[in-house]
Amino acid sequence: MCTQSVGLIAGVLEQHGISTVCIALVRSIAEAVSPPRALAVPFRFGAPLGEANDAAGQTSVMRAALQLLLESGPPQILRDYPNQR
């Protein structure tokens, strides 16, 4: 539900000139909703940035997500973490 809601909200924000990046726990929902930019992560529900107390891992996820803001591409950019390309 969150991936769907956030993806839809991101699309509306982008229409108003606000850049967004979504972190998606369920890739298939991100594909269906088509947020402008999304990073699909392999983590469990409740831990979209990875395990607690793993500052280096969480920073890596955030960097990968923010890196998507630098990309231009088709209407949807969807990358997998850690294989972003």
PDB file of N, CA and C in Angstrom:
ATOM      1  N   MET A   1       0.823  -1.185   0.000  1.00  0.00           N
ATOM      2  CA  MET A   1       0.000   0.000   0.000  1.00  0.00           C
ATOM      3  C   MET A   1       0.869   1.252   0.000  1.00  0.00           C
ATOM      4  N   CYS A   2       1.904   1.289   0.805  1.00  0.00           N
ATOM      5  CA  CYS A   2       2.750   2.483   0.872  1.00  0.00           C
ATOM      6  C   CYS A   2       3.453   2.751  -0.457  1.00  0.00           C
ATOM      7  N   THR A   3       3.984   1.713  -1.090  1.00  0.00           N
ATOM      8  CA  THR A   3       4.659   1.908  -2.372  1.00  0.00           C
ATOM      9  C   THR A   3       3.691   2.491  -3.387  1.00  0.00           C
ATOM     10  N   GLN A   4       2.467   2.018  -3.380  1.00  0.00           N
ATOM     11  CA  GLN A   4       1.463   2.521  -4.309  1.00  0.00           C
ATOM     12  C   GLN A   4       1.118   3.973  -3.993  1.00  0.00           C
ATOM     13  N   SER A   5       0.818   4.280  -2.749  1.00  0.00           N
ATOM     14  CA  SER A   5       0.435   5.638  -2.357  1.00  0.00           C
ATOM     15  C   SER A   5       1.547   6.636  -2.616  1.00  0.00           C
ATOM     16  N   VAL A   6       2.749   6.305  -2.194  1.00  0.00           N
ATOM     17  CA  VAL A   6       3.881   7.206  -2.373  1.00  0.00           C
ATOM     18  C   VAL A   6       4.170   7.411  -3.856  1.00  0.00           C
ATOM     19  N   GLY A   7       4.085   6.373  -4.644  1.00  0.00           N
ATOM     20  CA  GLY A   7       4.320   6.493  -6.074  1.00  0.00           C
ATOM     21  C   GLY A   7       3.332   7.421  -6.753  1.00  0.00           C
ATOM     22  N   LEU A   8       2.065   7.318  -6.369  1.00  0.00           N
ATOM     23  CA  LEU A   8       1.041   8.186  -6.940  1.00  0.00           C
ATOM     24  C   LEU A   8       1.240   9.637  -6.512  1.00  0.00           C
ATOM     25  N   ILE A   9       1.564   9.846  -5.251  1.00  0.00           N
ATOM     26  CA  ILE A   9       1.825  11.203  -4.752  1.00  0.00           C
ATOM     27  C   ILE A   9       3.044  11.792  -5.443  1.00  0.00           C
ATOM     28  N   ALA A  10       4.079  10.987  -5.648  1.00  0.00           N
ATOM     29  CA  ALA A  10       5.291  11.466  -6.330  1.00  0.00           C
ATOM     30  C   ALA A  10       4.964  11.975  -7.723  1.00  0.00           C
ATOM     31  N   GLY A  11       4.099  11.277  -8.431  1.00  0.00           N
ATOM     32  CA  GLY A  11       3.710  11.712  -9.770  1.00  0.00           C
ATOM     33  C   GLY A  11       3.047  13.074  -9.755  1.00  0.00           C
ATOM     34  N   VAL A  12       2.181  13.308  -8.785  1.00  0.00           N
ATOM     35  CA  VAL A  12       1.499  14.604  -8.671  1.00  0.00           C
ATOM     36  C   VAL A  12       2.501  15.695  -8.303  1.00  0.00           C
ATOM     37  N   LEU A  13       3.398  15.416  -7.368  1.00  0.00           N
ATOM     38  CA  LEU A  13       4.410  16.409  -6.983  1.00  0.00           C
ATOM     39  C   LEU A  13       5.279  16.791  -8.170  1.00  0.00           C
ATOM     40  N   GLU A  14       5.663  15.813  -8.962  1.00  0.00           N
ATOM     41  CA  GLU A  14       6.494  16.083 -10.138  1.00  0.00           C
ATOM     42  C   GLU A  14       5.762  16.977 -11.137  1.00  0.00           C
ATOM     43  N   GLN A  15       4.465  16.793 -11.276  1.00  0.00           N
ATOM     44  CA  GLN A  15       3.676  17.643 -12.171  1.00  0.00           C
ATOM     45  C   GLN A  15       3.690  19.096 -11.726  1.00  0.00           C
ATOM     46  N   HIS A  16       3.963  19.311 -10.451  1.00  0.00           N
ATOM     47  CA  HIS A  16       4.029  20.660  -9.896  1.00  0.00           C
ATOM     48  C   HIS A  16       5.469  21.141  -9.726  1.00  0.00           C
ATOM     49  N   GLY A  17       6.411  20.462 -10.365  1.00  0.00           N
ATOM     50  CA  GLY A  17       7.799  20.908 -10.380  1.00  0.00           C
ATOM     51  C   GLY A  17       8.645  20.508  -9.188  1.00  0.00           C
ATOM     52  N   ILE A  18       8.177  19.571  -8.387  1.00  0.00           N
ATOM     53  CA  ILE A  18       8.939  19.111  -7.221  1.00  0.00           C
ATOM     54  C   ILE A  18       9.524  17.738  -7.544  1.00  0.00           C
ATOM     55  N   SER A  19      10.842  17.641  -7.563  1.00  0.00           N
ATOM     56  CA  SER A  19      11.508  16.369  -7.868  1.00  0.00           C
ATOM     57  C   SER A  19      11.348  15.387  -6.721  1.00  0.00           C
ATOM     58  N   THR A  20      11.151  14.119  -7.066  1.00  0.00           N
ATOM     59  CA  THR A  20      10.934  13.086  -6.054  1.00  0.00           C
ATOM     60  C   THR A  20      11.745  11.833  -6.372  1.00  0.00           C
ATOM     61  N   VAL A  21      11.998  11.057  -5.336  1.00  0.00           N
ATOM     62  CA  VAL A  21      12.576   9.719  -5.461  1.00  0.00           C
ATOM     63  C   VAL A  21      11.848   8.832  -4.461  1.00  0.00           C
ATOM     64  N   CYS A  22      11.367   7.702  -4.904  1.00  0.00           N
ATOM     65  CA  CYS A  22      10.684   6.750  -4.028  1.00  0.00           C
ATOM     66  C   CYS A  22      11.617   5.578  -3.735  1.00  0.00           C
ATOM     67  N   ILE A  23      11.520   5.056  -2.539  1.00  0.00           N
ATOM     68  CA  ILE A  23      12.195   3.807  -2.194  1.00  0.00           C
ATOM     69  C   ILE A  23      11.093   2.758  -2.103  1.00  0.00           C
ATOM     70  N   ALA A  24      11.158   1.773  -2.977  1.00  0.00           N
ATOM     71  CA  ALA A  24      10.088   0.784  -3.111  1.00  0.00           C
ATOM     72  C   ALA A  24      10.496  -0.566  -2.536  1.00  0.00           C
ATOM     73  N   LEU A  25       9.678  -1.077  -1.646  1.00  0.00           N
ATOM     74  CA  LEU A  25       9.919  -2.406  -1.090  1.00  0.00           C
ATOM     75  C   LEU A  25       9.331  -3.494  -1.980  1.00  0.00           C
ATOM     76  N   VAL A  26       8.361  -3.131  -2.826  1.00  0.00           N
ATOM     77  CA  VAL A  26       7.730  -4.096  -3.722  1.00  0.00           C
ATOM     78  C   VAL A  26       7.890  -3.578  -5.145  1.00  0.00           C
ATOM     79  N   ARG A  27       8.835  -4.163  -5.856  1.00  0.00           N
ATOM     80  CA  ARG A  27       9.171  -3.683  -7.200  1.00  0.00           C
ATOM     81  C   ARG A  27       7.982  -3.759  -8.150  1.00  0.00           C
ATOM     82  N   SER A  28       7.217  -4.825  -8.085  1.00  0.00           N
ATOM     83  CA  SER A  28       6.100  -4.985  -9.019  1.00  0.00           C
ATOM     84  C   SER A  28       5.064  -3.872  -8.854  1.00  0.00           C
ATOM     85  N   ILE A  29       4.874  -3.394  -7.652  1.00  0.00           N
ATOM     86  CA  ILE A  29       3.941  -2.282  -7.437  1.00  0.00           C
ATOM     87  C   ILE A  29       4.528  -0.994  -7.997  1.00  0.00           C
ATOM     88  N   ALA A  30       5.817  -0.775  -7.809  1.00  0.00           N
ATOM     89  CA  ALA A  30       6.462   0.408  -8.386  1.00  0.00           C
ATOM     90  C   ALA A  30       6.355   0.375  -9.914  1.00  0.00           C
ATOM     91  N   GLU A  31       6.504  -0.789 -10.509  1.00  0.00           N
ATOM     92  CA  GLU A  31       6.359  -0.915 -11.960  1.00  0.00           C
ATOM     93  C   GLU A  31       4.939  -0.541 -12.397  1.00  0.00           C
ATOM     94  N   ALA A  32       3.951  -0.982 -11.638  1.00  0.00           N
ATOM     95  CA  ALA A  32       2.559  -0.728 -11.994  1.00  0.00           C
ATOM     96  C   ALA A  32       2.154   0.730 -11.796  1.00  0.00           C
ATOM     97  N   VAL A  33       2.641   1.344 -10.733  1.00  0.00           N
ATOM     98  CA  VAL A  33       2.259   2.718 -10.398  1.00  0.00           C
ATOM     99  C   VAL A  33       3.074   3.729 -11.198  1.00  0.00           C
ATOM    100  N   SER A  34       4.279   3.364 -11.580  1.00  0.00           N
ATOM    101  CA  SER A  34       5.179   4.209 -12.368  1.00  0.00           C
ATOM    102  C   SER A  34       5.512   5.558 -11.733  1.00  0.00           C
ATOM    103  N   PRO A  35       6.104   5.570 -10.535  1.00  0.00           N
ATOM    104  CA  PRO A  35       6.566   6.854 -10.004  1.00  0.00           C
ATOM    105  C   PRO A  35       7.682   7.373 -10.907  1.00  0.00           C
ATOM    106  N   PRO A  36       7.921   8.672 -10.935  1.00  0.00           N
ATOM    107  CA  PRO A  36       8.949   9.225 -11.823  1.00  0.00           C
ATOM    108  C   PRO A  36      10.338   8.610 -11.607  1.00  0.00           C
ATOM    109  N   ARG A  37      10.729   8.430 -10.356  1.00  0.00           N
ATOM    110  CA  ARG A  37      12.020   7.833 -10.016  1.00  0.00           C
ATOM    111  C   ARG A  37      11.835   6.934  -8.803  1.00  0.00           C
ATOM    112  N   ALA A  38      12.337   5.716  -8.887  1.00  0.00           N
ATOM    113  CA  ALA A  38      12.207   4.811  -7.749  1.00  0.00           C
ATOM    114  C   ALA A  38      13.415   3.889  -7.650  1.00  0.00           C
ATOM    115  N   LEU A  39      13.769   3.579  -6.431  1.00  0.00           N
ATOM    116  CA  LEU A  39      14.822   2.618  -6.133  1.00  0.00           C
ATOM    117  C   LEU A  39      14.170   1.424  -5.453  1.00  0.00           C
ATOM    118  N   ALA A  40      14.205   0.273  -6.092  1.00  0.00           N
ATOM    119  CA  ALA A  40      13.644  -0.950  -5.517  1.00  0.00           C
ATOM    120  C   ALA A  40      14.695  -1.587  -4.612  1.00  0.00           C
ATOM    121  N   VAL A  41      14.323  -1.811  -3.366  1.00  0.00           N
ATOM    122  CA  VAL A  41      15.267  -2.364  -2.395  1.00  0.00           C
ATOM    123  C   VAL A  41      14.819  -3.755  -1.957  1.00  0.00           C
ATOM    124  N   PRO A  42      15.771  -4.616  -1.565  1.00  0.00           N
ATOM    125  CA  PRO A  42      15.437  -5.996  -1.211  1.00  0.00           C
ATOM    126  C   PRO A  42      15.187  -6.222   0.284  1.00  0.00           C
ATOM    127  N   PHE A  43      14.837  -5.170   0.997  1.00  0.00           N
ATOM    128  CA  PHE A  43      14.735  -5.281   2.446  1.00  0.00           C
ATOM    129  C   PHE A  43      13.314  -5.614   2.892  1.00  0.00           C
ATOM    130  N   ARG A  44      13.191  -6.013   4.126  1.00  0.00           N
ATOM    131  CA  ARG A  44      11.891  -6.406   4.688  1.00  0.00           C
ATOM    132  C   ARG A  44      11.029  -5.170   4.955  1.00  0.00           C
ATOM    133  N   PHE A  45       9.736  -5.405   5.067  1.00  0.00           N
ATOM    134  CA  PHE A  45       8.821  -4.322   5.407  1.00  0.00           C
ATOM    135  C   PHE A  45       9.225  -3.708   6.745  1.00  0.00           C
ATOM    136  N   GLY A  46       9.178  -2.409   6.824  1.00  0.00           N
ATOM    137  CA  GLY A  46       9.559  -1.709   8.043  1.00  0.00           C
ATOM    138  C   GLY A  46      11.017  -1.301   8.071  1.00  0.00           C
ATOM    139  N   ALA A  47      11.796  -1.761   7.114  1.00  0.00           N
ATOM    140  CA  ALA A  47      13.225  -1.434   7.080  1.00  0.00           C
ATOM    141  C   ALA A  47      13.642  -1.062   5.656  1.00  0.00           C
ATOM    142  N   PRO A  48      13.084   0.008   5.085  1.00  0.00           N
ATOM    143  CA  PRO A  48      13.378   0.346   3.692  1.00  0.00           C
ATOM    144  C   PRO A  48      14.819   0.752   3.432  1.00  0.00           C
ATOM    145  N   LEU A  49      15.546   1.110   4.485  1.00  0.00           N
ATOM    146  CA  LEU A  49      16.959   1.478   4.317  1.00  0.00           C
ATOM    147  C   LEU A  49      17.894   0.362   4.754  1.00  0.00           C
ATOM    148  N   GLY A  50      17.368  -0.769   5.138  1.00  0.00           N
ATOM    149  CA  GLY A  50      18.197  -1.884   5.582  1.00  0.00           C
ATOM    150  C   GLY A  50      18.106  -2.067   7.085  1.00  0.00           C
ATOM    151  N   GLU A  51      19.041  -2.794   7.610  1.00  0.00           N
ATOM    152  CA  GLU A  51      19.014  -3.145   9.026  1.00  0.00           C
ATOM    153  C   GLU A  51      19.317  -1.957   9.940  1.00  0.00           C
ATOM    154  N   ALA A  52      18.707  -1.993  11.103  1.00  0.00           N
ATOM    155  CA  ALA A  52      18.954  -0.961  12.116  1.00  0.00           C
ATOM    156  C   ALA A  52      20.425  -0.973  12.526  1.00  0.00           C
ATOM    157  N   ASN A  53      20.932   0.178  12.857  1.00  0.00           N
ATOM    158  CA  ASN A  53      22.313   0.359  13.324  1.00  0.00           C
ATOM    159  C   ASN A  53      23.362   0.084  12.255  1.00  0.00           C
ATOM    160  N   ASP A  54      22.966   0.039  11.007  1.00  0.00           N
ATOM    161  CA  ASP A  54      23.916  -0.124   9.908  1.00  0.00           C
ATOM    162  C   ASP A  54      24.013   1.206   9.156  1.00  0.00           C
ATOM    163  N   ALA A  55      24.683   2.151   9.776  1.00  0.00           N
ATOM    164  CA  ALA A  55      24.765   3.501   9.209  1.00  0.00           C
ATOM    165  C   ALA A  55      25.390   3.498   7.818  1.00  0.00           C
ATOM    166  N   ALA A  56      26.417   2.700   7.608  1.00  0.00           N
ATOM    167  CA  ALA A  56      27.076   2.661   6.304  1.00  0.00           C
ATOM    168  C   ALA A  56      26.128   2.108   5.235  1.00  0.00           C
ATOM    169  N   GLY A  57      25.405   1.069   5.561  1.00  0.00           N
ATOM    170  CA  GLY A  57      24.459   0.483   4.617  1.00  0.00           C
ATOM    171  C   GLY A  57      23.312   1.423   4.310  1.00  0.00           C
ATOM    172  N   GLN A  58      22.793   2.075   5.336  1.00  0.00           N
ATOM    173  CA  GLN A  58      21.691   3.012   5.146  1.00  0.00           C
ATOM    174  C   GLN A  58      22.130   4.225   4.327  1.00  0.00           C
ATOM    175  N   THR A  59      23.343   4.683   4.566  1.00  0.00           N
ATOM    176  CA  THR A  59      23.883   5.798   3.782  1.00  0.00           C
ATOM    177  C   THR A  59      24.021   5.390   2.323  1.00  0.00           C
ATOM    178  N   SER A  60      24.432   4.169   2.085  1.00  0.00           N
ATOM    179  CA  SER A  60      24.575   3.671   0.723  1.00  0.00           C
ATOM    180  C   SER A  60      23.228   3.662  -0.003  1.00  0.00           C
ATOM    181  N   VAL A  61      22.176   3.245   0.677  1.00  0.00           N
ATOM    182  CA  VAL A  61      20.837   3.231   0.081  1.00  0.00           C
ATOM    183  C   VAL A  61      20.403   4.660  -0.240  1.00  0.00           C
ATOM    184  N   MET A  62      20.600   5.574   0.692  1.00  0.00           N
ATOM    185  CA  MET A  62      20.202   6.968   0.466  1.00  0.00           C
ATOM    186  C   MET A  62      20.978   7.594  -0.692  1.00  0.00           C
ATOM    187  N   ARG A  63      22.265   7.307  -0.771  1.00  0.00           N
ATOM    188  CA  ARG A  63      23.063   7.832  -1.889  1.00  0.00           C
ATOM    189  C   ARG A  63      22.558   7.287  -3.226  1.00  0.00           C
ATOM    190  N   ALA A  64      22.240   6.010  -3.250  1.00  0.00           N
ATOM    191  CA  ALA A  64      21.729   5.397  -4.482  1.00  0.00           C
ATOM    192  C   ALA A  64      20.391   6.031  -4.877  1.00  0.00           C
ATOM    193  N   ALA A  65      19.531   6.276  -3.899  1.00  0.00           N
ATOM    194  CA  ALA A  65      18.242   6.895  -4.189  1.00  0.00           C
ATOM    195  C   ALA A  65      18.431   8.325  -4.692  1.00  0.00           C
ATOM    196  N   LEU A  66      19.241   9.099  -4.012  1.00  0.00           N
ATOM    197  CA  LEU A  66      19.451  10.490  -4.410  1.00  0.00           C
ATOM    198  C   LEU A  66      20.163  10.600  -5.757  1.00  0.00           C
ATOM    199  N   GLN A  67      20.967   9.618  -6.087  1.00  0.00           N
ATOM    200  CA  GLN A  67      21.659   9.609  -7.379  1.00  0.00           C
ATOM    201  C   GLN A  67      20.648   9.605  -8.531  1.00  0.00           C
ATOM    202  N   LEU A  68      19.478   9.046  -8.299  1.00  0.00           N
ATOM    203  CA  LEU A  68      18.451   9.002  -9.342  1.00  0.00           C
ATOM    204  C   LEU A  68      17.988  10.401  -9.754  1.00  0.00           C
ATOM    205  N   LEU A  69      18.151  11.380  -8.866  1.00  0.00           N
ATOM    206  CA  LEU A  69      17.772  12.758  -9.206  1.00  0.00           C
ATOM    207  C   LEU A  69      18.645  13.330 -10.314  1.00  0.00           C
ATOM    208  N   LEU A  70      19.830  12.762 -10.487  1.00  0.00           N
ATOM    209  CA  LEU A  70      20.753  13.254 -11.509  1.00  0.00           C
ATOM    210  C   LEU A  70      20.485  12.640 -12.883  1.00  0.00           C
ATOM    211  N   GLU A  71      19.646  11.623 -12.921  1.00  0.00           N
ATOM    212  CA  GLU A  71      19.383  10.922 -14.182  1.00  0.00           C
ATOM    213  C   GLU A  71      18.203  11.530 -14.925  1.00  0.00           C
ATOM    214  N   SER A  72      18.329  11.540 -16.224  1.00  0.00           N
ATOM    215  CA  SER A  72      17.165  11.845 -17.043  1.00  0.00           C
ATOM    216  C   SER A  72      16.901  10.593 -17.870  1.00  0.00           C
ATOM    217  N   GLY A  73      15.685  10.373 -18.162  1.00  0.00           N
ATOM    218  CA  GLY A  73      15.395   9.155 -18.890  1.00  0.00           C
ATOM    219  C   GLY A  73      13.949   9.109 -19.309  1.00  0.00           C
ATOM    220  N   PRO A  74      13.458   7.911 -19.485  1.00  0.00           N
ATOM    221  CA  PRO A  74      12.059   7.754 -19.867  1.00  0.00           C
ATOM    222  C   PRO A  74      11.160   8.283 -18.741  1.00  0.00           C
ATOM    223  N   PRO A  75       9.857   8.286 -18.968  1.00  0.00           N
ATOM    224  CA  PRO A  75       8.956   8.803 -17.934  1.00  0.00           C
ATOM    225  C   PRO A  75       9.173   8.159 -16.563  1.00  0.00           C
ATOM    226  N   GLN A  76       9.658   6.942 -16.531  1.00  0.00           N
ATOM    227  CA  GLN A  76       9.927   6.298 -15.245  1.00  0.00           C
ATOM    228  C   GLN A  76      11.365   5.793 -15.211  1.00  0.00           C
ATOM    229  N   ILE A  77      12.050   6.095 -14.110  1.00  0.00           N
ATOM    230  CA  ILE A  77      13.371   5.526 -13.858  1.00  0.00           C
ATOM    231  C   ILE A  77      13.207   4.597 -12.661  1.00  0.00           C
ATOM    232  N   LEU A  78      13.457   3.326 -12.876  1.00  0.00           N
ATOM    233  CA  LEU A  78      13.333   2.333 -11.803  1.00  0.00           C
ATOM    234  C   LEU A  78      14.614   1.534 -11.763  1.00  0.00           C
ATOM    235  N   ARG A  79      15.321   1.633 -10.665  1.00  0.00           N
ATOM    236  CA  ARG A  79      16.597   0.928 -10.489  1.00  0.00           C
ATOM    237  C   ARG A  79      16.484  -0.028  -9.318  1.00  0.00           C
ATOM    238  N   ASP A  80      17.298  -1.081  -9.372  1.00  0.00           N
ATOM    239  CA  ASP A  80      17.384  -2.037  -8.271  1.00  0.00           C
ATOM    240  C   ASP A  80      18.616  -1.741  -7.435  1.00  0.00           C
ATOM    241  N   TYR A  81      18.467  -1.815  -6.127  1.00  0.00           N
ATOM    242  CA  TYR A  81      19.588  -1.680  -5.218  1.00  0.00           C
ATOM    243  C   TYR A  81      20.022  -3.089  -4.843  1.00  0.00           C
ATOM    244  N   PRO A  82      21.285  -3.418  -4.876  1.00  0.00           N
ATOM    245  CA  PRO A  82      22.464  -2.583  -5.094  1.00  0.00           C
ATOM    246  C   PRO A  82      22.848  -2.436  -6.568  1.00  0.00           C
ATOM    247  N   ASN A  83      22.234  -3.181  -7.448  1.00  0.00           N
ATOM    248  CA  ASN A  83      22.561  -3.081  -8.881  1.00  0.00           C
ATOM    249  C   ASN A  83      21.722  -1.973  -9.502  1.00  0.00           C
ATOM    250  N   GLN A  84      22.203  -0.756  -9.429  1.00  0.00           N
ATOM    251  CA  GLN A  84      21.404   0.398  -9.822  1.00  0.00           C
ATOM    252  C   GLN A  84      21.297   0.559 -11.317  1.00  0.00           C
ATOM    253  N   ARG A  85      22.149   0.008 -12.096  1.00  0.00           N
ATOM    254  CA  ARG A  85      22.107   0.199 -13.550  1.00  0.00           C
ATOM    255  C   ARG A  85      21.583  -1.029 -14.248  1.00  0.00           C
TER     256      ARG A  85
END
